[in-house]
Amino acid sequence: SIHFGTPPKKETNEIDPAEYAEEF
């Protein structure tokens, strides 16, 4: 589970540059 499991999920408040640019 440590080495091969599902990677940690992105924090829900993490900024996506492309999405941010669209909103801008």
PDB file of all heavy atoms in Angstrom:
ATOM      1  N   SER A   1       0.822  -1.211   0.000  1.00  0.00           N
ATOM      2  CA  SER A   1       0.000   0.000   0.000  1.00  0.00           C
ATOM      3  C   SER A   1       0.849   1.250   0.000  1.00  0.00           C
ATOM      4  O   SER A   1       0.435   2.294  -0.503  1.00  0.00           O
ATOM      5  CB  SER A   1      -0.938   0.006   1.220  1.00  0.00           C
ATOM      6  OG  SER A   1      -0.189   0.113   2.403  1.00  0.00           O
ATOM      7  N   ILE A   2       2.071   1.139   0.544  1.00  0.00           N
ATOM      8  CA  ILE A   2       2.960   2.295   0.578  1.00  0.00           C
ATOM      9  C   ILE A   2       3.591   2.530  -0.787  1.00  0.00           C
ATOM     10  O   ILE A   2       3.638   3.648  -1.296  1.00  0.00           O
ATOM     11  CB  ILE A   2       4.056   2.102   1.647  1.00  0.00           C
ATOM     12  CG1 ILE A   2       3.428   2.086   3.048  1.00  0.00           C
ATOM     13  CG2 ILE A   2       5.113   3.205   1.546  1.00  0.00           C
ATOM     14  CD1 ILE A   2       4.410   1.697   4.132  1.00  0.00           C
ATOM     15  N   HIS A   3       4.074   1.445  -1.415  1.00  0.00           N
ATOM     16  CA  HIS A   3       4.858   1.587  -2.630  1.00  0.00           C
ATOM     17  C   HIS A   3       4.051   1.483  -3.913  1.00  0.00           C
ATOM     18  O   HIS A   3       4.416   2.075  -4.916  1.00  0.00           O
ATOM     19  CB  HIS A   3       5.965   0.523  -2.657  1.00  0.00           C
ATOM     20  CG  HIS A   3       7.002   0.729  -1.592  1.00  0.00           C
ATOM     21  ND1 HIS A   3       7.977   1.694  -1.694  1.00  0.00           N
ATOM     22  CD2 HIS A   3       7.200   0.109  -0.396  1.00  0.00           C
ATOM     23  CE1 HIS A   3       8.752   1.655  -0.618  1.00  0.00           C
ATOM     24  NE2 HIS A   3       8.295   0.706   0.181  1.00  0.00           N
ATOM     25  N   PHE A   4       2.987   0.725  -3.905  1.00  0.00           N
ATOM     26  CA  PHE A   4       2.289   0.449  -5.158  1.00  0.00           C
ATOM     27  C   PHE A   4       0.819   0.872  -5.129  1.00  0.00           C
ATOM     28  O   PHE A   4       0.115   0.666  -6.100  1.00  0.00           O
ATOM     29  CB  PHE A   4       2.354  -1.049  -5.486  1.00  0.00           C
ATOM     30  CG  PHE A   4       3.754  -1.594  -5.420  1.00  0.00           C
ATOM     31  CD1 PHE A   4       4.123  -2.446  -4.392  1.00  0.00           C
ATOM     32  CD2 PHE A   4       4.685  -1.239  -6.365  1.00  0.00           C
ATOM     33  CE1 PHE A   4       5.407  -2.945  -4.330  1.00  0.00           C
ATOM     34  CE2 PHE A   4       5.972  -1.741  -6.305  1.00  0.00           C
ATOM     35  CZ  PHE A   4       6.346  -2.591  -5.279  1.00  0.00           C
ATOM     36  N   GLY A   5       0.374   1.387  -4.044  1.00  0.00           N
ATOM     37  CA  GLY A   5      -1.031   1.741  -3.925  1.00  0.00           C
ATOM     38  C   GLY A   5      -1.365   3.000  -4.695  1.00  0.00           C
ATOM     39  O   GLY A   5      -0.539   3.596  -5.389  1.00  0.00           O
ATOM     40  N   THR A   6      -2.605   3.473  -4.585  1.00  0.00           N
ATOM     41  CA  THR A   6      -3.075   4.677  -5.256  1.00  0.00           C
ATOM     42  C   THR A   6      -2.337   5.889  -4.717  1.00  0.00           C
ATOM     43  O   THR A   6      -2.230   6.068  -3.511  1.00  0.00           O
ATOM     44  CB  THR A   6      -4.591   4.855  -5.003  1.00  0.00           C
ATOM     45  OG1 THR A   6      -5.247   3.669  -5.433  1.00  0.00           O
ATOM     46  CG2 THR A   6      -5.121   6.061  -5.768  1.00  0.00           C
ATOM     47  N   PRO A   7      -1.797   6.758  -5.601  1.00  0.00           N
ATOM     48  CA  PRO A   7      -1.090   7.947  -5.152  1.00  0.00           C
ATOM     49  C   PRO A   7      -2.010   8.842  -4.342  1.00  0.00           C
ATOM     50  O   PRO A   7      -3.232   8.811  -4.517  1.00  0.00           O
ATOM     51  CB  PRO A   7      -0.685   8.651  -6.464  1.00  0.00           C
ATOM     52  CG  PRO A   7      -0.803   7.605  -7.508  1.00  0.00           C
ATOM     53  CD  PRO A   7      -1.858   6.659  -7.055  1.00  0.00           C
ATOM     54  N   PRO A   8      -1.437   9.654  -3.458  1.00  0.00           N
ATOM     55  CA  PRO A   8      -2.259  10.568  -2.671  1.00  0.00           C
ATOM     56  C   PRO A   8      -3.065  11.484  -3.570  1.00  0.00           C
ATOM     57  O   PRO A   8      -2.568  11.941  -4.598  1.00  0.00           O
ATOM     58  CB  PRO A   8      -1.224  11.383  -1.875  1.00  0.00           C
ATOM     59  CG  PRO A   8       0.045  10.635  -1.978  1.00  0.00           C
ATOM     60  CD  PRO A   8      -0.024   9.798  -3.186  1.00  0.00           C
ATOM     61  N   LYS A   9      -4.299  11.734  -3.198  1.00  0.00           N
ATOM     62  CA  LYS A   9      -5.151  12.606  -3.990  1.00  0.00           C
ATOM     63  C   LYS A   9      -4.667  14.043  -3.875  1.00  0.00           C
ATOM     64  O   LYS A   9      -4.100  14.450  -2.875  1.00  0.00           O
ATOM     65  CB  LYS A   9      -6.602  12.525  -3.496  1.00  0.00           C
ATOM     66  CG  LYS A   9      -7.261  11.199  -3.793  1.00  0.00           C
ATOM     67  CD  LYS A   9      -8.718  11.234  -3.344  1.00  0.00           C
ATOM     68  CE  LYS A   9      -9.419   9.926  -3.681  1.00  0.00           C
ATOM     69  NZ  LYS A   9     -10.822   9.930  -3.244  1.00  0.00           N
ATOM     70  N   LYS A  10      -4.910  14.802  -4.966  1.00  0.00           N
ATOM     71  CA  LYS A  10      -4.602  16.219  -4.925  1.00  0.00           C
ATOM     72  C   LYS A  10      -5.477  16.894  -3.882  1.00  0.00           C
ATOM     73  O   LYS A  10      -6.637  16.538  -3.713  1.00  0.00           O
ATOM     74  CB  LYS A  10      -4.902  16.863  -6.284  1.00  0.00           C
ATOM     75  CG  LYS A  10      -3.735  16.963  -7.204  1.00  0.00           C
ATOM     76  CD  LYS A  10      -4.133  17.808  -8.401  1.00  0.00           C
ATOM     77  CE  LYS A  10      -2.937  18.069  -9.291  1.00  0.00           C
ATOM     78  NZ  LYS A  10      -3.298  18.951 -10.409  1.00  0.00           N
ATOM     79  N   GLU A  11      -4.904  17.856  -3.211  1.00  0.00           N
ATOM     80  CA  GLU A  11      -5.729  18.635  -2.296  1.00  0.00           C
ATOM     81  C   GLU A  11      -6.790  19.356  -3.109  1.00  0.00           C
ATOM     82  O   GLU A  11      -6.534  19.874  -4.193  1.00  0.00           O
ATOM     83  CB  GLU A  11      -4.862  19.649  -1.550  1.00  0.00           C
ATOM     84  CG  GLU A  11      -3.834  19.003  -0.634  1.00  0.00           C
ATOM     85  CD  GLU A  11      -3.017  20.040   0.111  1.00  0.00           C
ATOM     86  OE1 GLU A  11      -3.493  21.194   0.218  1.00  0.00           O
ATOM     87  OE2 GLU A  11      -1.926  19.710   0.576  1.00  0.00           O
ATOM     88  N   THR A  12      -7.993  19.381  -2.559  1.00  0.00           N
ATOM     89  CA  THR A  12      -9.107  19.964  -3.308  1.00  0.00           C
ATOM     90  C   THR A  12      -8.904  21.452  -3.560  1.00  0.00           C
ATOM     91  O   THR A  12      -9.482  21.998  -4.488  1.00  0.00           O
ATOM     92  CB  THR A  12     -10.426  19.749  -2.541  1.00  0.00           C
ATOM     93  OG1 THR A  12     -10.287  20.271  -1.211  1.00  0.00           O
ATOM     94  CG2 THR A  12     -10.772  18.277  -2.473  1.00  0.00           C
ATOM     95  N   ASN A  13      -8.097  22.118  -2.739  1.00  0.00           N
ATOM     96  CA  ASN A  13      -7.888  23.550  -2.919  1.00  0.00           C
ATOM     97  C   ASN A  13      -6.623  23.860  -3.702  1.00  0.00           C
ATOM     98  O   ASN A  13      -6.214  25.008  -3.789  1.00  0.00           O
ATOM     99  CB  ASN A  13      -7.835  24.258  -1.555  1.00  0.00           C
ATOM    100  CG  ASN A  13      -6.688  23.760  -0.693  1.00  0.00           C
ATOM    101  OD1 ASN A  13      -6.072  22.735  -0.980  1.00  0.00           O
ATOM    102  ND2 ASN A  13      -6.392  24.495   0.366  1.00  0.00           N
ATOM    103  N   GLU A  14      -5.980  22.846  -4.291  1.00  0.00           N
ATOM    104  CA  GLU A  14      -4.775  23.083  -5.077  1.00  0.00           C
ATOM    105  C   GLU A  14      -5.149  23.745  -6.392  1.00  0.00           C
ATOM    106  O   GLU A  14      -6.098  23.353  -7.073  1.00  0.00           O
ATOM    107  CB  GLU A  14      -4.049  21.766  -5.333  1.00  0.00           C
ATOM    108  CG  GLU A  14      -2.687  21.937  -5.976  1.00  0.00           C
ATOM    109  CD  GLU A  14      -1.917  20.637  -6.044  1.00  0.00           C
ATOM    110  OE1 GLU A  14      -2.207  19.748  -5.218  1.00  0.00           O
ATOM    111  OE2 GLU A  14      -1.041  20.520  -6.912  1.00  0.00           O
ATOM    112  N   ILE A  15      -4.381  24.763  -6.780  1.00  0.00           N
ATOM    113  CA  ILE A  15      -4.705  25.556  -7.961  1.00  0.00           C
ATOM    114  C   ILE A  15      -4.204  24.873  -9.223  1.00  0.00           C
ATOM    115  O   ILE A  15      -3.050  24.466  -9.316  1.00  0.00           O
ATOM    116  CB  ILE A  15      -4.085  26.962  -7.836  1.00  0.00           C
ATOM    117  CG1 ILE A  15      -4.782  27.740  -6.720  1.00  0.00           C
ATOM    118  CG2 ILE A  15      -4.190  27.732  -9.149  1.00  0.00           C
ATOM    119  CD1 ILE A  15      -4.133  29.063  -6.390  1.00  0.00           C
ATOM    120  N   ASP A  16      -5.095  24.762 -10.211  1.00  0.00           N
ATOM    121  CA  ASP A  16      -4.716  24.273 -11.529  1.00  0.00           C
ATOM    122  C   ASP A  16      -4.541  25.494 -12.443  1.00  0.00           C
ATOM    123  O   ASP A  16      -5.499  26.239 -12.663  1.00  0.00           O
ATOM    124  CB  ASP A  16      -5.803  23.357 -12.091  1.00  0.00           C
ATOM    125  CG  ASP A  16      -5.450  22.860 -13.476  1.00  0.00           C
ATOM    126  OD1 ASP A  16      -5.787  23.565 -14.453  1.00  0.00           O
ATOM    127  OD2 ASP A  16      -4.836  21.784 -13.573  1.00  0.00           O
ATOM    128  N   PRO A  17      -3.327  25.743 -12.960  1.00  0.00           N
ATOM    129  CA  PRO A  17      -3.071  26.966 -13.734  1.00  0.00           C
ATOM    130  C   PRO A  17      -4.017  27.167 -14.912  1.00  0.00           C
ATOM    131  O   PRO A  17      -4.486  28.286 -15.141  1.00  0.00           O
ATOM    132  CB  PRO A  17      -1.624  26.770 -14.206  1.00  0.00           C
ATOM    133  CG  PRO A  17      -0.997  25.921 -13.156  1.00  0.00           C
ATOM    134  CD  PRO A  17      -2.090  24.963 -12.747  1.00  0.00           C
ATOM    135  N   ALA A  18      -4.307  26.098 -15.662  1.00  0.00           N
ATOM    136  CA  ALA A  18      -5.177  26.234 -16.833  1.00  0.00           C
ATOM    137  C   ALA A  18      -6.602  26.630 -16.418  1.00  0.00           C
ATOM    138  O   ALA A  18      -7.215  27.506 -17.038  1.00  0.00           O
ATOM    139  CB  ALA A  18      -5.197  24.936 -17.629  1.00  0.00           C
ATOM    140  N   GLU A  19      -7.112  25.990 -15.389  1.00  0.00           N
ATOM    141  CA  GLU A  19      -8.455  26.319 -14.903  1.00  0.00           C
ATOM    142  C   GLU A  19      -8.489  27.743 -14.348  1.00  0.00           C
ATOM    143  O   GLU A  19      -9.453  28.486 -14.557  1.00  0.00           O
ATOM    144  CB  GLU A  19      -8.883  25.320 -13.827  1.00  0.00           C
ATOM    145  CG  GLU A  19      -9.137  23.916 -14.357  1.00  0.00           C
ATOM    146  CD  GLU A  19      -9.541  22.954 -13.250  1.00  0.00           C
ATOM    147  OE1 GLU A  19      -9.665  23.407 -12.083  1.00  0.00           O
ATOM    148  OE2 GLU A  19      -9.716  21.763 -13.546  1.00  0.00           O
ATOM    149  N   TYR A  20      -7.436  28.111 -13.644  1.00  0.00           N
ATOM    150  CA  TYR A  20      -7.356  29.453 -13.074  1.00  0.00           C
ATOM    151  C   TYR A  20      -7.359  30.504 -14.188  1.00  0.00           C
ATOM    152  O   TYR A  20      -8.024  31.540 -14.084  1.00  0.00           O
ATOM    153  CB  TYR A  20      -6.099  29.579 -12.222  1.00  0.00           C
ATOM    154  CG  TYR A  20      -6.118  30.724 -11.233  1.00  0.00           C
ATOM    155  CD1 TYR A  20      -6.357  30.488  -9.885  1.00  0.00           C
ATOM    156  CD2 TYR A  20      -5.899  32.034 -11.648  1.00  0.00           C
ATOM    157  CE1 TYR A  20      -6.376  31.529  -8.974  1.00  0.00           C
ATOM    158  CE2 TYR A  20      -5.915  33.078 -10.747  1.00  0.00           C
ATOM    159  CZ  TYR A  20      -6.147  32.823  -9.410  1.00  0.00           C
ATOM    160  OH  TYR A  20      -6.173  33.876  -8.508  1.00  0.00           O
ATOM    161  N   ALA A  21      -6.612  30.224 -15.263  1.00  0.00           N
ATOM    162  CA  ALA A  21      -6.565  31.154 -16.391  1.00  0.00           C
ATOM    163  C   ALA A  21      -7.937  31.311 -17.041  1.00  0.00           C
ATOM    164  O   ALA A  21      -8.322  32.417 -17.445  1.00  0.00           O
ATOM    165  CB  ALA A  21      -5.539  30.668 -17.414  1.00  0.00           C
ATOM    166  N   GLU A  22      -8.690  30.211 -17.152  1.00  0.00           N
ATOM    167  CA  GLU A  22     -10.042  30.281 -17.718  1.00  0.00           C
ATOM    168  C   GLU A  22     -10.943  31.154 -16.857  1.00  0.00           C
ATOM    169  O   GLU A  22     -11.703  31.979 -17.365  1.00  0.00           O
ATOM    170  CB  GLU A  22     -10.627  28.875 -17.845  1.00  0.00           C
ATOM    171  CG  GLU A  22      -9.993  28.011 -18.928  1.00  0.00           C
ATOM    172  CD  GLU A  22     -10.309  28.490 -20.326  1.00  0.00           C
ATOM    173  OE1 GLU A  22     -11.274  29.265 -20.484  1.00  0.00           O
ATOM    174  OE2 GLU A  22      -9.603  28.092 -21.260  1.00  0.00           O
ATOM    175  N   GLU A  23     -10.870  30.957 -15.545  1.00  0.00           N
ATOM    176  CA  GLU A  23     -11.678  31.758 -14.628  1.00  0.00           C
ATOM    177  C   GLU A  23     -11.269  33.228 -14.697  1.00  0.00           C
ATOM    178  O   GLU A  23     -12.115  34.126 -14.665  1.00  0.00           O
ATOM    179  CB  GLU A  23     -11.522  31.228 -13.202  1.00  0.00           C
ATOM    180  CG  GLU A  23     -12.120  29.835 -13.004  1.00  0.00           C
ATOM    181  CD  GLU A  23     -11.801  29.255 -11.641  1.00  0.00           C
ATOM    182  OE1 GLU A  23     -11.166  29.968 -10.819  1.00  0.00           O
ATOM    183  OE2 GLU A  23     -12.172  28.099 -11.386  1.00  0.00           O
ATOM    184  N   PHE A  24      -9.971  33.472 -14.779  1.00  0.00           N
ATOM    185  CA  PHE A  24      -9.450  34.837 -14.927  1.00  0.00           C
ATOM    186  C   PHE A  24     -10.043  35.486 -16.177  1.00  0.00           C
ATOM    187  O   PHE A  24     -10.540  36.614 -16.126  1.00  0.00           O
ATOM    188  CB  PHE A  24      -7.922  34.771 -15.022  1.00  0.00           C
ATOM    189  CG  PHE A  24      -7.251  36.086 -15.294  1.00  0.00           C
ATOM    190  CD1 PHE A  24      -6.718  36.829 -14.252  1.00  0.00           C
ATOM    191  CD2 PHE A  24      -7.129  36.579 -16.596  1.00  0.00           C
ATOM    192  CE1 PHE A  24      -6.082  38.042 -14.503  1.00  0.00           C
ATOM    193  CE2 PHE A  24      -6.503  37.786 -16.857  1.00  0.00           C
ATOM    194  CZ  PHE A  24      -5.975  38.521 -15.805  1.00  0.00           C
TER     195      PHE A  24
END
